[in-house]
Amino acid sequence: MSHATPPNLEEQGRWLSVLARAEAEAVKAFTEKLLPELERQGLEVLENRMGLVMLPATDTAQGTRFHVGEVLVAASRVRLGGLEGYAVCLGRDLEQTLAIAILDAALQGGWHAERVRAFVEQQAAKQSAEDARLARQIAATRVTMETF
């Protein structure tokens, strides 16, 4: 059931980004359905905690990087069939990051890969639609100034 070819970092970064932006309840419910099978692969929670990380920003005038302050994050790391999955999300929802870390390991190992990829693509489509809707709303408020 597992495949030998690991995903490339770009692909893995994309699915983690999509899952981190997805509705937490949807991710948790989807992962819950896969758990009985995945637990048979030797699922082990290695880390599941909250912490503070520095929030970076860039000065728009000079391009200088600086830290705005600290933000609370939830972080999880799991081992599934010898592979490690990892997730970090803003906020304190440890179940959300645990679910994403499990999906990360499942995708790396090829367990339910087609179902998980379909879920990720469904979430990506929702996010693209929401981004487009927000862009239209912003464009509608744009004011054009004439220069004298």
N, C-alpha and C. Protein backbone atom coordinates (compact mmCIF):
# COMPACT_ATOMS: atom_id res chain seq x y z
N MET A 1 0.82 -1.19 0.00
CA MET A 1 0.00 0.00 0.00
C MET A 1 0.86 1.26 0.00
N SER A 2 2.06 1.19 0.55
CA SER A 2 2.97 2.32 0.59
C SER A 2 3.78 2.37 -0.69
N HIS A 3 4.13 3.58 -1.13
CA HIS A 3 4.97 3.67 -2.32
C HIS A 3 6.36 4.10 -1.92
N ALA A 4 7.35 3.77 -2.75
CA ALA A 4 8.75 4.01 -2.41
C ALA A 4 9.21 5.40 -2.81
N THR A 5 8.51 6.08 -3.70
CA THR A 5 8.93 7.38 -4.18
C THR A 5 8.36 8.48 -3.30
N PRO A 6 9.21 9.16 -2.53
CA PRO A 6 8.70 10.22 -1.66
C PRO A 6 8.30 11.44 -2.49
N PRO A 7 7.40 12.26 -1.97
CA PRO A 7 7.01 13.46 -2.69
C PRO A 7 8.15 14.46 -2.70
N ASN A 8 8.15 15.36 -3.69
CA ASN A 8 9.17 16.39 -3.66
C ASN A 8 8.74 17.47 -2.66
N LEU A 9 9.67 18.28 -2.23
CA LEU A 9 9.40 19.27 -1.19
C LEU A 9 8.38 20.31 -1.63
N GLU A 10 8.37 20.64 -2.91
CA GLU A 10 7.40 21.61 -3.42
C GLU A 10 5.97 21.07 -3.29
N GLU A 11 5.79 19.81 -3.69
CA GLU A 11 4.48 19.17 -3.59
C GLU A 11 4.04 19.07 -2.13
N GLN A 12 4.95 18.65 -1.26
CA GLN A 12 4.63 18.53 0.15
C GLN A 12 4.31 19.90 0.76
N GLY A 13 5.07 20.91 0.41
CA GLY A 13 4.80 22.26 0.90
C GLY A 13 3.44 22.76 0.47
N ARG A 14 3.04 22.42 -0.76
CA ARG A 14 1.73 22.85 -1.26
C ARG A 14 0.62 22.21 -0.46
N TRP A 15 0.66 20.86 -0.26
CA TRP A 15 -0.44 20.22 0.43
C TRP A 15 -0.49 20.66 1.89
N LEU A 16 0.67 20.91 2.51
CA LEU A 16 0.65 21.39 3.89
C LEU A 16 0.06 22.80 3.98
N SER A 17 0.37 23.65 3.01
CA SER A 17 -0.19 25.01 2.99
C SER A 17 -1.70 24.97 2.81
N VAL A 18 -2.16 24.13 1.91
CA VAL A 18 -3.61 24.01 1.67
C VAL A 18 -4.30 23.49 2.93
N LEU A 19 -3.76 22.45 3.53
CA LEU A 19 -4.38 21.88 4.72
C LEU A 19 -4.37 22.85 5.90
N ALA A 20 -3.32 23.64 6.03
CA ALA A 20 -3.25 24.60 7.13
C ALA A 20 -4.30 25.71 6.98
N ARG A 21 -4.65 26.05 5.74
CA ARG A 21 -5.67 27.07 5.48
C ARG A 21 -7.08 26.51 5.46
N ALA A 22 -7.20 25.20 5.35
CA ALA A 22 -8.52 24.56 5.26
C ALA A 22 -9.28 24.72 6.57
N GLU A 23 -10.60 24.57 6.48
CA GLU A 23 -11.43 24.62 7.68
C GLU A 23 -11.03 23.48 8.60
N ALA A 24 -10.69 23.82 9.84
CA ALA A 24 -10.17 22.83 10.79
C ALA A 24 -11.12 21.66 10.98
N GLU A 25 -12.41 21.92 11.10
CA GLU A 25 -13.37 20.83 11.33
C GLU A 25 -13.42 19.87 10.16
N ALA A 26 -13.28 20.38 8.94
CA ALA A 26 -13.29 19.51 7.76
C ALA A 26 -12.06 18.61 7.75
N VAL A 27 -10.90 19.16 8.09
CA VAL A 27 -9.67 18.38 8.11
C VAL A 27 -9.75 17.30 9.19
N LYS A 28 -10.24 17.67 10.36
CA LYS A 28 -10.34 16.70 11.46
C LYS A 28 -11.32 15.59 11.11
N ALA A 29 -12.47 15.93 10.53
CA ALA A 29 -13.46 14.91 10.18
C ALA A 29 -12.92 13.96 9.11
N PHE A 30 -12.23 14.51 8.12
CA PHE A 30 -11.67 13.67 7.06
C PHE A 30 -10.62 12.72 7.62
N THR A 31 -9.73 13.22 8.46
CA THR A 31 -8.67 12.40 9.04
C THR A 31 -9.27 11.31 9.94
N GLU A 32 -10.31 11.66 10.68
CA GLU A 32 -10.95 10.70 11.58
C GLU A 32 -11.44 9.47 10.81
N LYS A 33 -11.92 9.66 9.59
CA LYS A 33 -12.40 8.53 8.78
C LYS A 33 -11.26 7.58 8.39
N LEU A 34 -10.05 8.12 8.25
CA LEU A 34 -8.91 7.30 7.83
C LEU A 34 -8.18 6.63 9.00
N LEU A 35 -8.42 7.10 10.21
CA LEU A 35 -7.65 6.65 11.37
C LEU A 35 -7.65 5.14 11.61
N PRO A 36 -8.78 4.43 11.51
CA PRO A 36 -8.72 2.99 11.78
C PRO A 36 -7.69 2.26 10.92
N GLU A 37 -7.62 2.58 9.66
CA GLU A 37 -6.65 1.94 8.76
C GLU A 37 -5.23 2.44 9.05
N LEU A 38 -5.08 3.74 9.26
CA LEU A 38 -3.74 4.29 9.48
C LEU A 38 -3.14 3.82 10.80
N GLU A 39 -3.96 3.61 11.81
CA GLU A 39 -3.44 3.13 13.09
C GLU A 39 -2.81 1.75 12.96
N ARG A 40 -3.26 0.97 11.98
CA ARG A 40 -2.67 -0.35 11.73
C ARG A 40 -1.25 -0.25 11.16
N GLN A 41 -0.90 0.94 10.66
CA GLN A 41 0.44 1.15 10.09
C GLN A 41 1.45 1.55 11.18
N GLY A 42 0.99 1.64 12.41
CA GLY A 42 1.90 2.01 13.50
C GLY A 42 1.95 3.51 13.74
N LEU A 43 0.82 4.12 13.93
CA LEU A 43 0.75 5.57 14.17
C LEU A 43 1.21 5.90 15.58
N GLU A 44 2.16 6.82 15.68
CA GLU A 44 2.71 7.25 16.97
C GLU A 44 2.79 8.77 16.99
N VAL A 45 2.24 9.39 18.03
CA VAL A 45 2.32 10.84 18.20
C VAL A 45 3.64 11.15 18.88
N LEU A 46 4.50 11.91 18.21
CA LEU A 46 5.81 12.25 18.74
C LEU A 46 5.79 13.61 19.46
N GLU A 47 4.96 14.50 18.98
CA GLU A 47 4.89 15.85 19.55
C GLU A 47 3.51 16.42 19.25
N ASN A 48 2.93 17.08 20.24
CA ASN A 48 1.63 17.73 20.07
C ASN A 48 1.56 18.82 21.13
N ARG A 49 1.95 20.03 20.76
CA ARG A 49 2.05 21.09 21.76
C ARG A 49 1.84 22.47 21.15
N MET A 50 1.68 23.44 22.03
CA MET A 50 1.57 24.84 21.62
C MET A 50 2.87 25.55 21.95
N GLY A 51 3.12 26.64 21.24
CA GLY A 51 4.31 27.43 21.52
C GLY A 51 4.19 28.80 20.85
N LEU A 52 5.19 29.60 21.07
CA LEU A 52 5.25 30.93 20.47
C LEU A 52 6.35 30.94 19.43
N VAL A 53 6.08 31.59 18.30
CA VAL A 53 7.10 31.79 17.26
C VAL A 53 7.11 33.27 16.89
N MET A 54 8.25 33.72 16.42
CA MET A 54 8.37 35.12 16.00
C MET A 54 7.69 35.31 14.65
N LEU A 55 6.92 36.39 14.52
CA LEU A 55 6.23 36.71 13.28
C LEU A 55 7.10 37.66 12.46
N PRO A 56 7.64 37.18 11.33
CA PRO A 56 8.50 38.04 10.51
C PRO A 56 7.68 38.97 9.62
N ALA A 57 8.28 40.09 9.28
CA ALA A 57 7.68 41.04 8.35
C ALA A 57 8.81 41.70 7.57
N THR A 58 8.44 42.37 6.49
CA THR A 58 9.42 43.08 5.67
C THR A 58 9.02 44.54 5.55
N ASP A 59 9.96 45.42 5.84
CA ASP A 59 9.74 46.86 5.67
C ASP A 59 9.58 47.13 4.17
N THR A 60 8.44 47.71 3.79
CA THR A 60 8.17 47.91 2.36
C THR A 60 9.05 48.99 1.73
N ALA A 61 9.57 49.91 2.51
CA ALA A 61 10.40 50.98 1.95
C ALA A 61 11.80 50.51 1.63
N GLN A 62 12.43 49.78 2.57
CA GLN A 62 13.83 49.39 2.37
C GLN A 62 14.03 47.89 2.22
N GLY A 63 12.97 47.11 2.40
CA GLY A 63 13.08 45.67 2.25
C GLY A 63 13.75 44.98 3.43
N THR A 64 13.89 45.68 4.53
CA THR A 64 14.53 45.12 5.72
C THR A 64 13.57 44.17 6.43
N ARG A 65 14.09 42.99 6.83
CA ARG A 65 13.28 42.01 7.57
C ARG A 65 13.36 42.33 9.05
N PHE A 66 12.23 42.19 9.73
CA PHE A 66 12.18 42.39 11.17
C PHE A 66 11.07 41.51 11.75
N HIS A 67 10.99 41.43 13.06
CA HIS A 67 9.95 40.63 13.71
C HIS A 67 8.94 41.55 14.36
N VAL A 68 7.67 41.36 14.02
CA VAL A 68 6.58 42.17 14.55
C VAL A 68 6.33 41.81 16.01
N GLY A 69 6.44 40.55 16.33
CA GLY A 69 6.18 40.06 17.68
C GLY A 69 6.03 38.56 17.65
N GLU A 70 5.43 38.02 18.69
CA GLU A 70 5.24 36.58 18.78
C GLU A 70 3.79 36.21 18.51
N VAL A 71 3.60 35.02 17.92
CA VAL A 71 2.26 34.49 17.70
C VAL A 71 2.19 33.07 18.26
N LEU A 72 1.00 32.71 18.75
CA LEU A 72 0.76 31.39 19.29
C LEU A 72 0.51 30.40 18.16
N VAL A 73 1.18 29.26 18.20
CA VAL A 73 0.98 28.21 17.21
C VAL A 73 0.79 26.87 17.90
N ALA A 74 0.12 25.98 17.21
CA ALA A 74 0.01 24.58 17.60
C ALA A 74 0.90 23.80 16.65
N ALA A 75 1.64 22.83 17.16
CA ALA A 75 2.55 22.04 16.34
C ALA A 75 2.40 20.57 16.68
N SER A 76 2.43 19.73 15.66
CA SER A 76 2.32 18.28 15.86
C SER A 76 3.30 17.56 14.95
N ARG A 77 3.82 16.45 15.45
CA ARG A 77 4.71 15.58 14.68
C ARG A 77 4.32 14.15 15.00
N VAL A 78 4.14 13.34 13.96
CA VAL A 78 3.74 11.95 14.12
C VAL A 78 4.68 11.05 13.33
N ARG A 79 4.67 9.78 13.70
CA ARG A 79 5.37 8.76 12.91
C ARG A 79 4.33 7.75 12.47
N LEU A 80 4.33 7.47 11.18
CA LEU A 80 3.37 6.53 10.60
C LEU A 80 4.15 5.60 9.68
N GLY A 81 4.20 4.33 10.05
CA GLY A 81 4.92 3.37 9.21
C GLY A 81 6.36 3.76 8.94
N GLY A 82 7.01 4.39 9.92
CA GLY A 82 8.41 4.78 9.76
C GLY A 82 8.62 6.15 9.15
N LEU A 83 7.56 6.81 8.69
CA LEU A 83 7.67 8.15 8.11
C LEU A 83 7.12 9.18 9.09
N GLU A 84 7.72 10.37 9.08
CA GLU A 84 7.26 11.43 9.98
C GLU A 84 6.44 12.46 9.23
N GLY A 85 5.32 12.82 9.84
CA GLY A 85 4.48 13.89 9.34
C GLY A 85 4.53 15.05 10.32
N TYR A 86 4.37 16.26 9.81
CA TYR A 86 4.54 17.45 10.64
C TYR A 86 3.53 18.51 10.23
N ALA A 87 3.10 19.30 11.20
CA ALA A 87 2.19 20.41 10.91
C ALA A 87 2.32 21.49 11.97
N VAL A 88 2.17 22.74 11.54
CA VAL A 88 2.11 23.90 12.43
C VAL A 88 1.01 24.80 11.91
N CYS A 89 0.15 25.26 12.82
CA CYS A 89 -0.93 26.18 12.45
C CYS A 89 -1.01 27.30 13.48
N LEU A 90 -1.42 28.47 13.04
CA LEU A 90 -1.67 29.56 13.97
C LEU A 90 -2.78 29.18 14.92
N GLY A 91 -2.66 29.58 16.16
CA GLY A 91 -3.72 29.31 17.13
C GLY A 91 -3.38 28.16 18.03
N ARG A 92 -4.42 27.61 18.65
CA ARG A 92 -4.20 26.60 19.69
C ARG A 92 -4.91 25.28 19.42
N ASP A 93 -5.31 25.03 18.18
CA ASP A 93 -6.05 23.82 17.87
C ASP A 93 -5.10 22.65 17.63
N LEU A 94 -4.78 21.94 18.70
CA LEU A 94 -3.86 20.80 18.61
C LEU A 94 -4.44 19.65 17.80
N GLU A 95 -5.77 19.49 17.81
CA GLU A 95 -6.38 18.42 17.01
C GLU A 95 -6.22 18.71 15.52
N GLN A 96 -6.30 19.98 15.14
CA GLN A 96 -6.13 20.36 13.74
C GLN A 96 -4.71 20.01 13.27
N THR A 97 -3.70 20.41 14.04
CA THR A 97 -2.33 20.12 13.60
C THR A 97 -2.03 18.63 13.63
N LEU A 98 -2.60 17.93 14.59
CA LEU A 98 -2.41 16.48 14.64
C LEU A 98 -3.01 15.82 13.40
N ALA A 99 -4.19 16.26 13.00
CA ALA A 99 -4.84 15.71 11.80
C ALA A 99 -4.00 16.00 10.55
N ILE A 100 -3.47 17.22 10.44
CA ILE A 100 -2.65 17.57 9.27
C ILE A 100 -1.36 16.77 9.26
N ALA A 101 -0.73 16.60 10.42
CA ALA A 101 0.50 15.81 10.49
C ALA A 101 0.25 14.37 10.07
N ILE A 102 -0.89 13.81 10.48
CA ILE A 102 -1.24 12.45 10.08
C ILE A 102 -1.42 12.37 8.56
N LEU A 103 -2.12 13.35 7.98
CA LEU A 103 -2.31 13.36 6.53
C LEU A 103 -0.98 13.55 5.80
N ASP A 104 -0.08 14.35 6.36
CA ASP A 104 1.24 14.54 5.77
C ASP A 104 1.99 13.21 5.70
N ALA A 105 2.00 12.48 6.81
CA ALA A 105 2.68 11.17 6.83
C ALA A 105 2.00 10.18 5.89
N ALA A 106 0.67 10.21 5.86
CA ALA A 106 -0.08 9.30 4.98
C ALA A 106 0.26 9.56 3.52
N LEU A 107 0.33 10.82 3.13
CA LEU A 107 0.66 11.15 1.75
C LEU A 107 2.09 10.74 1.42
N GLN A 108 3.00 10.96 2.34
CA GLN A 108 4.39 10.56 2.10
C GLN A 108 4.50 9.05 1.90
N GLY A 109 3.71 8.30 2.68
CA GLY A 109 3.78 6.84 2.60
C GLY A 109 2.88 6.22 1.56
N GLY A 110 2.01 7.01 0.97
CA GLY A 110 1.12 6.48 -0.05
C GLY A 110 -0.13 5.82 0.51
N TRP A 111 -0.40 5.97 1.80
CA TRP A 111 -1.61 5.39 2.39
C TRP A 111 -2.80 6.28 2.08
N HIS A 112 -3.77 5.75 1.40
CA HIS A 112 -4.97 6.49 0.99
C HIS A 112 -4.61 7.74 0.19
N ALA A 113 -3.52 7.68 -0.55
CA ALA A 113 -2.99 8.86 -1.24
C ALA A 113 -4.02 9.48 -2.19
N GLU A 114 -4.77 8.66 -2.93
CA GLU A 114 -5.74 9.22 -3.86
C GLU A 114 -6.85 9.95 -3.13
N ARG A 115 -7.35 9.37 -2.05
CA ARG A 115 -8.41 10.03 -1.26
C ARG A 115 -7.90 11.32 -0.64
N VAL A 116 -6.68 11.26 -0.09
CA VAL A 116 -6.12 12.46 0.57
C VAL A 116 -5.85 13.55 -0.45
N ARG A 117 -5.27 13.17 -1.59
CA ARG A 117 -5.00 14.18 -2.63
C ARG A 117 -6.31 14.80 -3.14
N ALA A 118 -7.34 13.99 -3.29
CA ALA A 118 -8.65 14.52 -3.73
C ALA A 118 -9.18 15.51 -2.70
N PHE A 119 -9.03 15.19 -1.41
CA PHE A 119 -9.46 16.11 -0.36
C PHE A 119 -8.66 17.40 -0.41
N VAL A 120 -7.35 17.30 -0.58
CA VAL A 120 -6.50 18.49 -0.66
C VAL A 120 -6.91 19.35 -1.85
N GLU A 121 -7.16 18.73 -3.00
CA GLU A 121 -7.56 19.49 -4.20
C GLU A 121 -8.92 20.15 -4.00
N GLN A 122 -9.83 19.47 -3.31
CA GLN A 122 -11.14 20.05 -3.01
C GLN A 122 -10.95 21.29 -2.13
N GLN A 123 -10.11 21.19 -1.13
CA GLN A 123 -9.85 22.33 -0.25
C GLN A 123 -9.16 23.47 -1.01
N ALA A 124 -8.23 23.13 -1.90
CA ALA A 124 -7.52 24.14 -2.70
C ALA A 124 -8.50 24.89 -3.59
N ALA A 125 -9.46 24.17 -4.18
CA ALA A 125 -10.46 24.81 -5.04
C ALA A 125 -11.33 25.77 -4.22
N LYS A 126 -11.73 25.36 -3.02
CA LYS A 126 -12.51 26.25 -2.15
C LYS A 126 -11.71 27.51 -1.81
N GLN A 127 -10.43 27.32 -1.51
CA GLN A 127 -9.59 28.45 -1.16
C GLN A 127 -9.39 29.40 -2.35
N SER A 128 -9.22 28.84 -3.54
CA SER A 128 -9.07 29.68 -4.74
C SER A 128 -10.33 30.49 -5.00
N ALA A 129 -11.49 29.86 -4.83
CA ALA A 129 -12.76 30.56 -5.02
C ALA A 129 -12.92 31.68 -4.00
N GLU A 130 -12.56 31.41 -2.76
CA GLU A 130 -12.64 32.43 -1.71
C GLU A 130 -11.66 33.57 -1.98
N ASP A 131 -10.45 33.24 -2.43
CA ASP A 131 -9.47 34.27 -2.77
C ASP A 131 -9.97 35.15 -3.91
N ALA A 132 -10.58 34.53 -4.92
CA ALA A 132 -11.12 35.29 -6.06
C ALA A 132 -12.27 36.20 -5.61
N ARG A 133 -13.13 35.68 -4.74
CA ARG A 133 -14.23 36.49 -4.22
C ARG A 133 -13.70 37.69 -3.44
N LEU A 134 -12.71 37.47 -2.61
CA LEU A 134 -12.11 38.55 -1.83
C LEU A 134 -11.43 39.58 -2.75
N ALA A 135 -10.75 39.11 -3.78
CA ALA A 135 -10.09 40.01 -4.73
C ALA A 135 -11.13 40.89 -5.44
N ARG A 136 -12.29 40.31 -5.80
CA ARG A 136 -13.36 41.10 -6.44
C ARG A 136 -13.89 42.16 -5.48
N GLN A 137 -14.06 41.78 -4.21
CA GLN A 137 -14.55 42.75 -3.22
C GLN A 137 -13.55 43.89 -3.04
N ILE A 138 -12.28 43.57 -3.01
CA ILE A 138 -11.26 44.61 -2.85
C ILE A 138 -11.23 45.50 -4.08
N ALA A 139 -11.30 44.90 -5.27
CA ALA A 139 -11.27 45.68 -6.51
C ALA A 139 -12.45 46.64 -6.58
N ALA A 140 -13.59 46.25 -6.04
CA ALA A 140 -14.78 47.10 -6.08
C ALA A 140 -14.61 48.36 -5.22
N THR A 141 -13.70 48.33 -4.27
CA THR A 141 -13.50 49.49 -3.39
C THR A 141 -12.34 50.38 -3.84
N ARG A 142 -11.66 49.97 -4.91
CA ARG A 142 -10.50 50.72 -5.39
C ARG A 142 -10.92 52.09 -5.88
N VAL A 143 -10.19 53.10 -5.49
CA VAL A 143 -10.46 54.47 -5.92
C VAL A 143 -9.31 54.91 -6.83
N THR A 144 -9.65 55.44 -8.01
CA THR A 144 -8.66 55.92 -8.94
C THR A 144 -8.51 57.42 -8.73
N MET A 145 -7.30 57.85 -8.44
CA MET A 145 -7.02 59.27 -8.20
C MET A 145 -6.37 59.85 -9.45
N GLU A 146 -6.81 61.01 -9.83
CA GLU A 146 -6.19 61.71 -10.96
C GLU A 146 -5.09 62.61 -10.43
N THR A 147 -4.00 62.71 -11.18
CA THR A 147 -2.89 63.57 -10.79
C THR A 147 -3.02 64.89 -11.54
N PHE A 148 -2.92 65.97 -10.80
CA PHE A 148 -3.02 67.31 -11.43
C PHE A 148 -1.66 67.86 -11.71
